[in-house]
C-alpha atoms as a PDB file:
ATOM      1  CA  MET A   1    -229.536-151.077   2.640  1.00  0.00           C
ATOM      2  CA  ASP A   2    -228.901-147.652   1.139  1.00  0.00           C
ATOM      3  CA  LYS A   3    -227.479-149.179  -2.050  1.00  0.00           C
ATOM      4  CA  LEU A   4    -230.296-151.727  -2.268  1.00  0.00           C
ATOM      5  CA  PHE A   5    -232.989-149.103  -1.792  1.00  0.00           C
ATOM      6  CA  GLU A   6    -231.363-146.864  -4.410  1.00  0.00           C
ATOM      7  CA  LYS A   7    -231.392-149.725  -6.933  1.00  0.00           C
ATOM      8  CA  VAL A   8    -235.053-150.518  -6.195  1.00  0.00           C
ATOM      9  CA  LEU A   9    -236.020-146.883  -6.788  1.00  0.00           C
ATOM     10  CA  PHE A  10    -233.984-146.797 -10.005  1.00  0.00           C
ATOM     11  CA  ILE A  11    -235.661-149.953 -11.331  1.00  0.00           C
ATOM     12  CA  THR A  12    -239.110-148.585 -10.445  1.00  0.00           C
ATOM     13  CA  ALA A  13    -238.446-145.318 -12.274  1.00  0.00           C
ATOM     14  CA  LEU A  14    -236.961-147.214 -15.230  1.00  0.00           C
ATOM     15  CA  ILE A  15    -240.044-149.437 -15.537  1.00  0.00           C
ATOM     16  CA  SER A  16    -242.279-146.358 -15.716  1.00  0.00           C
ATOM     17  CA  GLY A  17    -240.319-145.037 -18.675  1.00  0.00           C
ATOM     18  CA  LEU A  18    -240.086-148.434 -20.360  1.00  0.00           C
ATOM     19  CA  VAL A  19    -243.873-148.845 -20.275  1.00  0.00           C
ATOM     20  CA  VAL A  20    -244.287-145.730 -22.443  1.00  0.00           C
ATOM     21  CA  ILE A  21    -241.553-146.879 -24.816  1.00  0.00           C
ATOM     22  CA  SER A  22    -243.061-150.375 -25.074  1.00  0.00           C
ATOM     23  CA  ILE A  23    -246.519-148.971 -25.861  1.00  0.00           C
ATOM     24  CA  ALA A  24    -245.043-146.800 -28.604  1.00  0.00           C
ATOM     25  CA  LEU A  25    -243.054-149.702 -30.083  1.00  0.00           C
ATOM     26  CA  ILE A  26    -246.054-152.066 -30.052  1.00  0.00           C
ATOM     27  CA  LEU A  27    -248.256-149.479 -31.762  1.00  0.00           C
ATOM     28  CA  LEU A  28    -245.511-148.741 -34.280  1.00  0.00           C
ATOM     29  CA  ASN A  29    -245.145-152.455 -35.018  1.00  0.00           C
ATOM     30  CA  HIS A  30    -248.862-152.869 -35.726  1.00  0.00           C
ATOM     31  CA  ALA A  31    -249.003-149.595 -37.669  1.00  0.00           C
ATOM     32  CA  SER A  32    -246.128-150.659 -39.916  1.00  0.00           C
ATOM     33  CA  THR A  33    -248.526-152.598 -42.167  1.00  0.00           C
ATOM     34  CA  ILE A  34    -249.895-149.283 -43.422  1.00  0.00           C
ATOM     35  CA  LEU A  35    -246.830-147.092 -42.843  1.00  0.00           C
ATOM     36  CA  SER A  36    -244.632-149.338 -45.001  1.00  0.00           C
ATOM     37  CA  SER A  37    -247.132-149.719 -47.857  1.00  0.00           C
ATOM     38  CA  PRO A  38    -248.580-147.395 -50.516  1.00  0.00           C
ATOM     39  CA  ARG A  39    -251.675-147.068 -48.286  1.00  0.00           C
ATOM     40  CA  ILE A  40    -249.770-144.494 -46.233  1.00  0.00           C
ATOM     41  CA  LEU A  41    -250.614-141.959 -48.945  1.00  0.00           C
ATOM     42  CA  THR A  42    -254.330-142.401 -48.218  1.00  0.00           C
ATOM     43  CA  ILE A  43    -254.162-142.528 -44.408  1.00  0.00           C
ATOM     44  CA  PHE A  44    -254.835-138.772 -44.208  1.00  0.00           C
ATOM     45  CA  SER A  45    -257.566-138.798 -46.845  1.00  0.00           C
ATOM     46  CA  ASN A  46    -261.206-137.886 -46.214  1.00  0.00           C
ATOM     47  CA  SER A  47    -262.631-141.370 -46.852  1.00  0.00           C
ATOM     48  CA  TRP A  48    -263.234-143.916 -44.073  1.00  0.00           C
ATOM     49  CA  LEU A  49    -264.745-147.045 -45.636  1.00  0.00           C
ATOM     50  CA  PRO A  50    -263.060-150.141 -44.156  1.00  0.00           C
ATOM     51  CA  SER A  51    -265.251-152.420 -46.295  1.00  0.00           C
ATOM     52  CA  ASP A  52    -263.676-150.838 -49.412  1.00  0.00           C
ATOM     53  CA  GLY A  53    -260.171-150.677 -47.944  1.00  0.00           C
ATOM     54  CA  SER A  54    -260.273-146.906 -47.338  1.00  0.00           C
ATOM     55  CA  TYR A  55    -258.823-145.873 -43.986  1.00  0.00           C
ATOM     56  CA  GLY A  56    -258.599-142.082 -44.206  1.00  0.00           C
ATOM     57  CA  LEU A  57    -258.143-140.558 -40.750  1.00  0.00           C
ATOM     58  CA  TYR A  58    -258.660-136.902 -41.695  1.00  0.00           C
ATOM     59  CA  PRO A  59    -262.305-136.683 -40.449  1.00  0.00           C
ATOM     60  CA  PHE A  60    -261.286-138.064 -37.067  1.00  0.00           C
ATOM     61  CA  ILE A  61    -258.199-135.846 -36.762  1.00  0.00           C
ATOM     62  CA  ALA A  62    -260.355-132.827 -37.623  1.00  0.00           C
ATOM     63  CA  GLY A  63    -262.983-133.890 -35.080  1.00  0.00           C
ATOM     64  CA  THR A  64    -260.316-134.284 -32.378  1.00  0.00           C
ATOM     65  CA  ILE A  65    -258.870-130.836 -33.076  1.00  0.00           C
ATOM     66  CA  TRP A  66    -262.304-129.168 -33.133  1.00  0.00           C
ATOM     67  CA  VAL A  67    -263.499-130.727 -29.892  1.00  0.00           C
ATOM     68  CA  THR A  68    -260.225-130.120 -28.041  1.00  0.00           C
ATOM     69  CA  CYS A  69    -259.938-126.495 -29.152  1.00  0.00           C
ATOM     70  CA  ILE A  70    -263.551-125.729 -28.215  1.00  0.00           C
ATOM     71  CA  ALA A  71    -262.994-127.312 -24.802  1.00  0.00           C
ATOM     72  CA  MET A  72    -259.874-125.238 -24.166  1.00  0.00           C
ATOM     73  CA  VAL A  73    -261.519-122.008 -25.332  1.00  0.00           C
ATOM     74  CA  LEU A  74    -264.370-122.631 -22.887  1.00  0.00           C
ATOM     75  CA  ALA A  75    -262.227-123.908 -19.994  1.00  0.00           C
ATOM     76  CA  ALA A  76    -259.032-121.837 -19.972  1.00  0.00           C
ATOM     77  CA  PRO A  77    -260.379-118.331 -19.126  1.00  0.00           C
ATOM     78  CA  SER A  78    -262.784-119.485 -16.397  1.00  0.00           C
ATOM     79  CA  CYS A  79    -260.214-121.866 -14.873  1.00  0.00           C
ATOM     80  CA  ILE A  80    -257.542-119.161 -14.707  1.00  0.00           C
ATOM     81  CA  LEU A  81    -259.963-116.735 -13.028  1.00  0.00           C
ATOM     82  CA  CYS A  82    -260.985-119.470 -10.579  1.00  0.00           C
ATOM     83  CA  ALA A  83    -257.326-120.201  -9.796  1.00  0.00           C
ATOM     84  CA  ILE A  84    -256.635-116.494  -9.201  1.00  0.00           C
ATOM     85  CA  PHE A  85    -259.607-116.281  -6.836  1.00  0.00           C
ATOM     86  CA  LEU A  86    -258.527-119.348  -4.857  1.00  0.00           C
ATOM     87  CA  ALA A  87    -254.903-118.226  -4.636  1.00  0.00           C
ATOM     88  CA  GLU A  88    -255.369-114.506  -4.000  1.00  0.00           C
ATOM     89  CA  TYR A  89    -258.863-113.648  -2.792  1.00  0.00           C
ATOM     90  CA  ALA A  90    -260.592-116.663  -1.227  1.00  0.00           C
ATOM     91  CA  PRO A  91    -260.614-116.841   2.590  1.00  0.00           C
ATOM     92  CA  LYS A  92    -258.881-119.883   4.013  1.00  0.00           C
ATOM     93  CA  LYS A  93    -262.158-121.461   5.146  1.00  0.00           C
ATOM     94  CA  LEU A  94    -263.788-121.037   1.727  1.00  0.00           C
ATOM     95  CA  ARG A  95    -260.705-122.418  -0.030  1.00  0.00           C
ATOM     96  CA  SER A  96    -260.784-125.490   2.209  1.00  0.00           C
ATOM     97  CA  ILE A  97    -264.347-126.148   1.001  1.00  0.00           C
ATOM     98  CA  ILE A  98    -263.853-125.467  -2.715  1.00  0.00           C
ATOM     99  CA  LYS A  99    -260.575-127.355  -3.191  1.00  0.00           C
ATOM    100  CA  PRO A 100    -261.984-130.792  -2.215  1.00  0.00           C
ATOM    101  CA  LEU A 101    -264.951-130.226  -4.522  1.00  0.00           C
ATOM    102  CA  ILE A 102    -262.572-129.522  -7.404  1.00  0.00           C
ATOM    103  CA  ASP A 103    -260.685-132.724  -6.556  1.00  0.00           C
ATOM    104  CA  VAL A 104    -263.990-134.628  -6.666  1.00  0.00           C
ATOM    105  CA  LEU A 105    -264.558-133.293 -10.200  1.00  0.00           C
ATOM    106  CA  ALA A 106    -261.249-134.853 -11.232  1.00  0.00           C
ATOM    107  CA  SER A 107    -262.188-138.262  -9.797  1.00  0.00           C
ATOM    108  CA  ILE A 108    -265.643-138.624 -11.373  1.00  0.00           C
ATOM    109  CA  PRO A 109    -265.570-141.423 -14.031  1.00  0.00           C
ATOM    110  CA  SER A 110    -265.783-140.162 -17.594  1.00  0.00           C
ATOM    111  CA  VAL A 111    -268.797-142.393 -18.328  1.00  0.00           C
ATOM    112  CA  VAL A 112    -270.696-140.504 -15.596  1.00  0.00           C
ATOM    113  CA  TYR A 113    -269.791-137.229 -17.290  1.00  0.00           C
ATOM    114  CA  GLY A 114    -271.021-138.706 -20.566  1.00  0.00           C
ATOM    115  CA  LEU A 115    -274.370-139.771 -19.116  1.00  0.00           C
ATOM    116  CA  TRP A 116    -274.815-136.376 -17.486  1.00  0.00           C
ATOM    117  CA  ALA A 117    -273.983-134.677 -20.793  1.00  0.00           C
ATOM    118  CA  ILE A 118    -276.609-136.764 -22.641  1.00  0.00           C
ATOM    119  CA  LEU A 119    -279.255-135.803 -20.089  1.00  0.00           C
ATOM    120  CA  VAL A 120    -278.308-132.127 -19.708  1.00  0.00           C
ATOM    121  CA  ILE A 121    -275.807-130.752 -22.250  1.00  0.00           C
ATOM    122  CA  VAL A 122    -277.218-132.373 -25.397  1.00  0.00           C
ATOM    123  CA  PRO A 123    -280.830-131.125 -24.841  1.00  0.00           C
ATOM    124  CA  LEU A 124    -279.472-127.705 -23.839  1.00  0.00           C
ATOM    125  CA  VAL A 125    -277.439-127.400 -27.043  1.00  0.00           C
ATOM    126  CA  ARG A 126    -280.231-128.792 -29.220  1.00  0.00           C
ATOM    127  CA  ASP A 127    -283.131-126.739 -27.842  1.00  0.00           C
ATOM    128  CA  TYR A 128    -281.523-123.470 -26.762  1.00  0.00           C
ATOM    129  CA  VAL A 129    -277.852-122.852 -27.577  1.00  0.00           C
ATOM    130  CA  ALA A 130    -277.814-123.997 -31.214  1.00  0.00           C
ATOM    131  CA  PRO A 131    -281.025-122.175 -32.326  1.00  0.00           C
ATOM    132  CA  THR A 132    -280.026-118.980 -30.494  1.00  0.00           C
ATOM    133  CA  LEU A 133    -276.471-118.775 -31.808  1.00  0.00           C
ATOM    134  CA  SER A 134    -277.568-119.817 -35.286  1.00  0.00           C
ATOM    135  CA  SER A 135    -280.239-117.097 -35.448  1.00  0.00           C
ATOM    136  CA  MET A 136    -277.792-114.448 -34.234  1.00  0.00           C
ATOM    137  CA  LEU A 137    -274.573-115.549 -35.990  1.00  0.00           C
ATOM    138  CA  GLY A 138    -275.780-117.973 -38.640  1.00  0.00           C
ATOM    139  CA  TRP A 139    -274.102-115.950 -41.378  1.00  0.00           C
ATOM    140  CA  ILE A 140    -270.760-117.082 -39.961  1.00  0.00           C
ATOM    141  CA  PRO A 141    -269.949-120.660 -41.134  1.00  0.00           C
ATOM    142  CA  LEU A 142    -268.731-121.540 -37.638  1.00  0.00           C
ATOM    143  CA  PHE A 143    -272.261-121.057 -36.255  1.00  0.00           C
ATOM    144  CA  SER A 144    -274.302-122.370 -39.185  1.00  0.00           C
ATOM    145  CA  LEU A 145    -276.946-124.869 -38.088  1.00  0.00           C
ATOM    146  CA  ASN A 146    -276.869-127.731 -40.618  1.00  0.00           C
ATOM    147  CA  VAL A 147    -278.479-130.480 -38.532  1.00  0.00           C
ATOM    148  CA  ASN A 148    -280.045-129.677 -35.156  1.00  0.00           C
ATOM    149  CA  VAL A 149    -279.268-132.910 -33.313  1.00  0.00           C
ATOM    150  CA  GLY A 150    -277.569-131.802 -30.090  1.00  0.00           C
ATOM    151  CA  TYR A 151    -274.869-134.470 -30.405  1.00  0.00           C
ATOM    152  CA  SER A 152    -272.214-132.157 -31.744  1.00  0.00           C
ATOM    153  CA  VAL A 153    -268.786-130.568 -31.468  1.00  0.00           C
ATOM    154  CA  LEU A 154    -270.145-127.969 -29.048  1.00  0.00           C
ATOM    155  CA  ALA A 155    -271.706-130.549 -26.715  1.00  0.00           C
ATOM    156  CA  SER A 156    -268.445-132.503 -26.658  1.00  0.00           C
ATOM    157  CA  GLY A 157    -266.522-129.298 -26.024  1.00  0.00           C
ATOM    158  CA  PHE A 158    -268.787-128.408 -23.092  1.00  0.00           C
ATOM    159  CA  VAL A 159    -268.328-131.720 -21.301  1.00  0.00           C
ATOM    160  CA  LEU A 160    -264.583-131.797 -21.997  1.00  0.00           C
ATOM    161  CA  ALA A 161    -264.211-128.250 -20.655  1.00  0.00           C
ATOM    162  CA  ILE A 162    -265.728-129.385 -17.359  1.00  0.00           C
ATOM    163  CA  MET A 163    -263.556-132.514 -17.263  1.00  0.00           C
ATOM    164  CA  VAL A 164    -260.263-130.646 -17.764  1.00  0.00           C
ATOM    165  CA  SER A 165    -261.119-127.845 -15.329  1.00  0.00           C
ATOM    166  CA  PRO A 166    -259.764-129.578 -12.185  1.00  0.00           C
ATOM    167  CA  ILE A 167    -256.252-130.101 -13.553  1.00  0.00           C
ATOM    168  CA  ILE A 168    -255.995-126.558 -14.954  1.00  0.00           C
ATOM    169  CA  ILE A 169    -257.314-124.972 -11.756  1.00  0.00           C
ATOM    170  CA  SER A 170    -255.105-127.064  -9.466  1.00  0.00           C
ATOM    171  CA  VAL A 171    -251.859-126.504 -11.373  1.00  0.00           C
ATOM    172  CA  ALA A 172    -252.560-122.809 -12.050  1.00  0.00           C
ATOM    173  CA  GLU A 173    -253.400-122.165  -8.402  1.00  0.00           C
ATOM    174  CA  GLU A 174    -250.208-123.832  -7.202  1.00  0.00           C
ATOM    175  CA  VAL A 175    -248.191-121.787  -9.686  1.00  0.00           C
ATOM    176  CA  ILE A 176    -249.797-118.514  -8.591  1.00  0.00           C
ATOM    177  CA  ARG A 177    -249.310-119.330  -4.904  1.00  0.00           C
ATOM    178  CA  ALA A 178    -245.632-120.079  -5.645  1.00  0.00           C
ATOM    179  CA  VAL A 179    -244.995-116.427  -6.542  1.00  0.00           C
ATOM    180  CA  PRO A 180    -242.994-115.003  -3.596  1.00  0.00           C
ATOM    181  CA  MET A 181    -244.989-112.919  -1.120  1.00  0.00           C
ATOM    182  CA  GLU A 182    -242.260-110.261  -1.204  1.00  0.00           C
ATOM    183  CA  VAL A 183    -243.231-109.475  -4.821  1.00  0.00           C
ATOM    184  CA  ARG A 184    -246.816-108.779  -3.774  1.00  0.00           C
ATOM    185  CA  GLU A 185    -245.734-106.691  -0.815  1.00  0.00           C
ATOM    186  CA  ALA A 186    -243.400-104.595  -2.977  1.00  0.00           C
ATOM    187  CA  SER A 187    -246.216-103.865  -5.424  1.00  0.00           C
ATOM    188  CA  LEU A 188    -248.662-102.941  -2.662  1.00  0.00           C
ATOM    189  CA  ALA A 189    -246.024-100.742  -1.006  1.00  0.00           C
ATOM    190  CA  LEU A 190    -245.732 -98.752  -4.239  1.00  0.00           C
ATOM    191  CA  GLY A 191    -249.456 -97.940  -4.064  1.00  0.00           C
ATOM    192  CA  ALA A 192    -250.887-100.597  -6.388  1.00  0.00           C
ATOM    193  CA  THR A 193    -254.313-102.013  -5.609  1.00  0.00           C
ATOM    194  CA  LYS A 194    -254.898-105.705  -4.990  1.00  0.00           C
ATOM    195  CA  TRP A 195    -256.151-106.289  -8.551  1.00  0.00           C
ATOM    196  CA  GLN A 196    -253.293-104.274 -10.090  1.00  0.00           C
ATOM    197  CA  THR A 197    -250.831-106.383  -8.123  1.00  0.00           C
ATOM    198  CA  VAL A 198    -252.472-109.595  -9.344  1.00  0.00           C
ATOM    199  CA  LYS A 199    -252.762-108.392 -12.947  1.00  0.00           C
ATOM    200  CA  TYR A 200    -249.405-106.707 -13.511  1.00  0.00           C
ATOM    201  CA  VAL A 201    -247.115-108.518 -11.061  1.00  0.00           C
ATOM    202  CA  VAL A 202    -248.366-111.930  -9.911  1.00  0.00           C
ATOM    203  CA  PHE A 203    -249.918-112.951 -13.243  1.00  0.00           C
ATOM    204  CA  ARG A 204    -246.820-111.976 -15.200  1.00  0.00           C
ATOM    205  CA  LYS A 205    -244.540-113.870 -12.835  1.00  0.00           C
ATOM    206  CA  ALA A 206    -246.779-116.957 -13.030  1.00  0.00           C
ATOM    207  CA  PHE A 207    -247.512-116.710 -16.755  1.00  0.00           C
ATOM    208  CA  LEU A 208    -245.297-119.612 -17.871  1.00  0.00           C
ATOM    209  CA  GLY A 209    -246.726-121.895 -15.200  1.00  0.00           C
ATOM    210  CA  ILE A 210    -250.280-121.005 -16.204  1.00  0.00           C
ATOM    211  CA  ILE A 211    -249.468-121.831 -19.830  1.00  0.00           C
ATOM    212  CA  ALA A 212    -248.137-125.189 -18.644  1.00  0.00           C
ATOM    213  CA  ALA A 213    -251.397-125.802 -16.744  1.00  0.00           C
ATOM    214  CA  ILE A 214    -253.380-125.104 -19.925  1.00  0.00           C
ATOM    215  CA  ILE A 215    -251.160-127.477 -21.916  1.00  0.00           C
ATOM    216  CA  LEU A 216    -251.695-130.256 -19.361  1.00  0.00           C
ATOM    217  CA  GLY A 217    -255.450-129.646 -19.633  1.00  0.00           C
ATOM    218  CA  PHE A 218    -255.132-129.820 -23.414  1.00  0.00           C
ATOM    219  CA  CYS A 219    -253.458-133.226 -23.129  1.00  0.00           C
ATOM    220  CA  ARG A 220    -256.272-134.438 -20.867  1.00  0.00           C
ATOM    221  CA  ALA A 221    -258.906-133.240 -23.335  1.00  0.00           C
ATOM    222  CA  PHE A 222    -257.041-134.615 -26.355  1.00  0.00           C
ATOM    223  CA  GLY A 223    -257.007-138.151 -24.962  1.00  0.00           C
ATOM    224  CA  GLU A 224    -260.491-138.331 -23.443  1.00  0.00           C
ATOM    225  CA  THR A 225    -262.640-141.194 -24.766  1.00  0.00           C
ATOM    226  CA  MET A 226    -265.904-142.246 -23.138  1.00  0.00           C
ATOM    227  CA  ALA A 227    -267.596-138.884 -22.593  1.00  0.00           C
ATOM    228  CA  VAL A 228    -266.725-137.767 -26.137  1.00  0.00           C
ATOM    229  CA  LEU A 229    -267.859-141.102 -27.570  1.00  0.00           C
ATOM    230  CA  MET A 230    -271.264-140.657 -25.908  1.00  0.00           C
ATOM    231  CA  VAL A 231    -272.028-137.071 -27.028  1.00  0.00           C
ATOM    232  CA  SER A 232    -270.060-136.388 -30.239  1.00  0.00           C
ATOM    233  CA  GLY A 233    -272.491-138.111 -32.609  1.00  0.00           C
ATOM    234  CA  ASN A 234    -269.860-140.540 -34.020  1.00  0.00           C
ATOM    235  CA  VAL A 235    -270.242-139.404 -37.616  1.00  0.00           C
ATOM    236  CA  PRO A 236    -267.048-140.007 -39.666  1.00  0.00           C
ATOM    237  CA  ARG A 237    -267.140-136.617 -41.335  1.00  0.00           C
ATOM    238  CA  ALA A 238    -265.024-133.530 -40.754  1.00  0.00           C
ATOM    239  CA  PRO A 239    -267.191-130.897 -39.014  1.00  0.00           C
ATOM    240  CA  SER A 240    -267.666-127.479 -40.551  1.00  0.00           C
ATOM    241  CA  SER A 241    -269.555-125.796 -37.694  1.00  0.00           C
ATOM    242  CA  LEU A 242    -269.940-126.041 -33.926  1.00  0.00           C
ATOM    243  CA  PHE A 243    -273.267-127.832 -34.296  1.00  0.00           C
ATOM    244  CA  ASP A 244    -272.083-130.626 -36.602  1.00  0.00           C
ATOM    245  CA  PRO A 245    -271.629-134.150 -35.230  1.00  0.00           C
ATOM    246  CA  CYS A 246    -268.104-135.531 -35.334  1.00  0.00           C
ATOM    247  CA  CYS A 247    -265.996-138.520 -34.339  1.00  0.00           C
ATOM    248  CA  PRO A 248    -262.622-137.862 -32.654  1.00  0.00           C
ATOM    249  CA  LEU A 249    -259.768-140.355 -32.847  1.00  0.00           C
ATOM    250  CA  THR A 250    -260.435-141.675 -29.345  1.00  0.00           C
ATOM    251  CA  ALA A 251    -264.088-142.343 -30.175  1.00  0.00           C
ATOM    252  CA  LEU A 252    -263.043-144.103 -33.401  1.00  0.00           C
ATOM    253  CA  ILE A 253    -260.721-146.468 -31.543  1.00  0.00           C
ATOM    254  CA  ALA A 254    -263.228-147.227 -28.769  1.00  0.00           C
ATOM    255  CA  SER A 255    -266.135-147.833 -31.131  1.00  0.00           C
ATOM    256  CA  SER A 256    -264.106-150.032 -33.515  1.00  0.00           C
ATOM    257  CA  LEU A 257    -262.667-152.482 -30.992  1.00  0.00           C
ATOM    258  CA  GLY A 258    -265.198-155.162 -31.948  1.00  0.00           C
ATOM    259  CA  GLU A 259    -264.323-154.963 -35.650  1.00  0.00           C
ATOM    260  CA  MET A 260    -260.576-154.384 -35.521  1.00  0.00           C
ATOM    261  CA  MET A 261    -259.659-158.088 -35.359  1.00  0.00           C
ATOM    262  CA  SER A 262    -261.453-158.773 -38.639  1.00  0.00           C
ATOM    263  CA  SER A 263    -258.553-157.460 -40.703  1.00  0.00           C
ATOM    264  CA  PRO A 264    -254.833-156.792 -40.115  1.00  0.00           C
ATOM    265  CA  ILE A 265    -255.212-153.564 -42.118  1.00  0.00           C
ATOM    266  CA  TYR A 266    -258.017-152.451 -39.779  1.00  0.00           C
ATOM    267  CA  VAL A 267    -255.766-153.091 -36.768  1.00  0.00           C
ATOM    268  CA  SER A 268    -252.955-151.190 -38.473  1.00  0.00           C
ATOM    269  CA  ALA A 269    -255.194-148.169 -39.207  1.00  0.00           C
ATOM    270  CA  LEU A 270    -256.368-147.979 -35.599  1.00  0.00           C
ATOM    271  CA  SER A 271    -252.757-148.354 -34.435  1.00  0.00           C
ATOM    272  CA  VAL A 272    -251.809-145.361 -36.572  1.00  0.00           C
ATOM    273  CA  ALA A 273    -254.631-143.389 -34.918  1.00  0.00           C
ATOM    274  CA  ALA A 274    -253.433-144.433 -31.453  1.00  0.00           C
ATOM    275  CA  LEU A 275    -249.843-143.588 -32.375  1.00  0.00           C
ATOM    276  CA  LEU A 276    -250.897-140.088 -33.438  1.00  0.00           C
ATOM    277  CA  LEU A 277    -252.677-139.584 -30.113  1.00  0.00           C
ATOM    278  CA  LEU A 278    -249.684-140.841 -28.152  1.00  0.00           C
ATOM    279  CA  LEU A 279    -247.259-138.661 -30.109  1.00  0.00           C
ATOM    280  CA  VAL A 280    -249.278-135.447 -29.686  1.00  0.00           C
ATOM    281  CA  VAL A 281    -249.886-136.038 -25.962  1.00  0.00           C
ATOM    282  CA  LEU A 282    -246.211-136.919 -25.410  1.00  0.00           C
ATOM    283  CA  ILE A 283    -244.985-133.779 -27.176  1.00  0.00           C
ATOM    284  CA  PHE A 284    -247.335-131.470 -25.275  1.00  0.00           C
ATOM    285  CA  ASN A 285    -246.563-133.147 -21.937  1.00  0.00           C
ATOM    286  CA  ILE A 286    -242.842-132.676 -22.486  1.00  0.00           C
ATOM    287  CA  LEU A 287    -243.469-129.057 -23.461  1.00  0.00           C
ATOM    288  CA  ALA A 288    -245.505-128.476 -20.300  1.00  0.00           C
ATOM    289  CA  ARG A 289    -242.815-130.049 -18.113  1.00  0.00           C
ATOM    290  CA  LEU A 290    -240.113-127.909 -19.712  1.00  0.00           C
ATOM    291  CA  ILE A 291    -242.178-124.775 -19.099  1.00  0.00           C
ATOM    292  CA  ILE A 292    -242.776-125.730 -15.458  1.00  0.00           C
ATOM    293  CA  LEU A 293    -239.049-126.445 -15.030  1.00  0.00           C
ATOM    294  CA  ARG A 294    -238.162-123.045 -16.437  1.00  0.00           C
ATOM    295  CA  PHE A 295    -240.756-121.380 -14.209  1.00  0.00           C
ATOM    296  CA  SER A 296    -239.391-123.101 -11.104  1.00  0.00           C
ATOM    297  CA  ARG A 297    -235.868-121.940 -11.989  1.00  0.00           C
END
């Protein structure tokens, strides 16, 4: 029975890895139409006109990078502070209330986040945030208000920041709580205050794990689809400011599913986009796991 159970576990683990490999191979097979032709030179161009045979992915890659970076800039500092509070300062009773609420945030469907963002975030950005920041910092290209529509990079970044918060908070809190209690006690015994102990001892010991938590949140934001599709504006143009509409790679794939079967080249272009997403997420996930492994050692 021991041998049989060991083989069952091995096969189960092997299937999990083979699924990822099979997805990559299938996407690579469909993407080969473009990758093995002269069209590969135009795949990173700025022109997306499928009717004319132009399948430039640059606007969508730029939109993905903008939205993901804005989300991480908004989410990372607040999530780390929240994790420090839960791990170091929160009473046990309060932590038992907050932790389930954070888990609920992680389980809310992305389409619900998208609907909420349309009703709350988009009007907030359009009527208050965009005019205020533009009037104060409009001389900076990043804050220039070209079209005041609300459906923008900033709105997408806001909703993504909320969506990735649970994973960053959960992983960062576990990492901080994993720092040995003896380290805290040694710092306090030397006369350090609670905050000095957290800042100079606990945070430094947990730094690699916190970076890994941020990377995992980045992967979650990079691959999000529905919420971004609903609030980004879906304009195939590279954004130049926070208030410009955009169309990330995930939104491109989701919105083009009805048209992709009309042409093998169309399918190949979308497969290249999906392959890029898979490759980036895979690399950052491996990096995060390596960092966590080093931290645990």
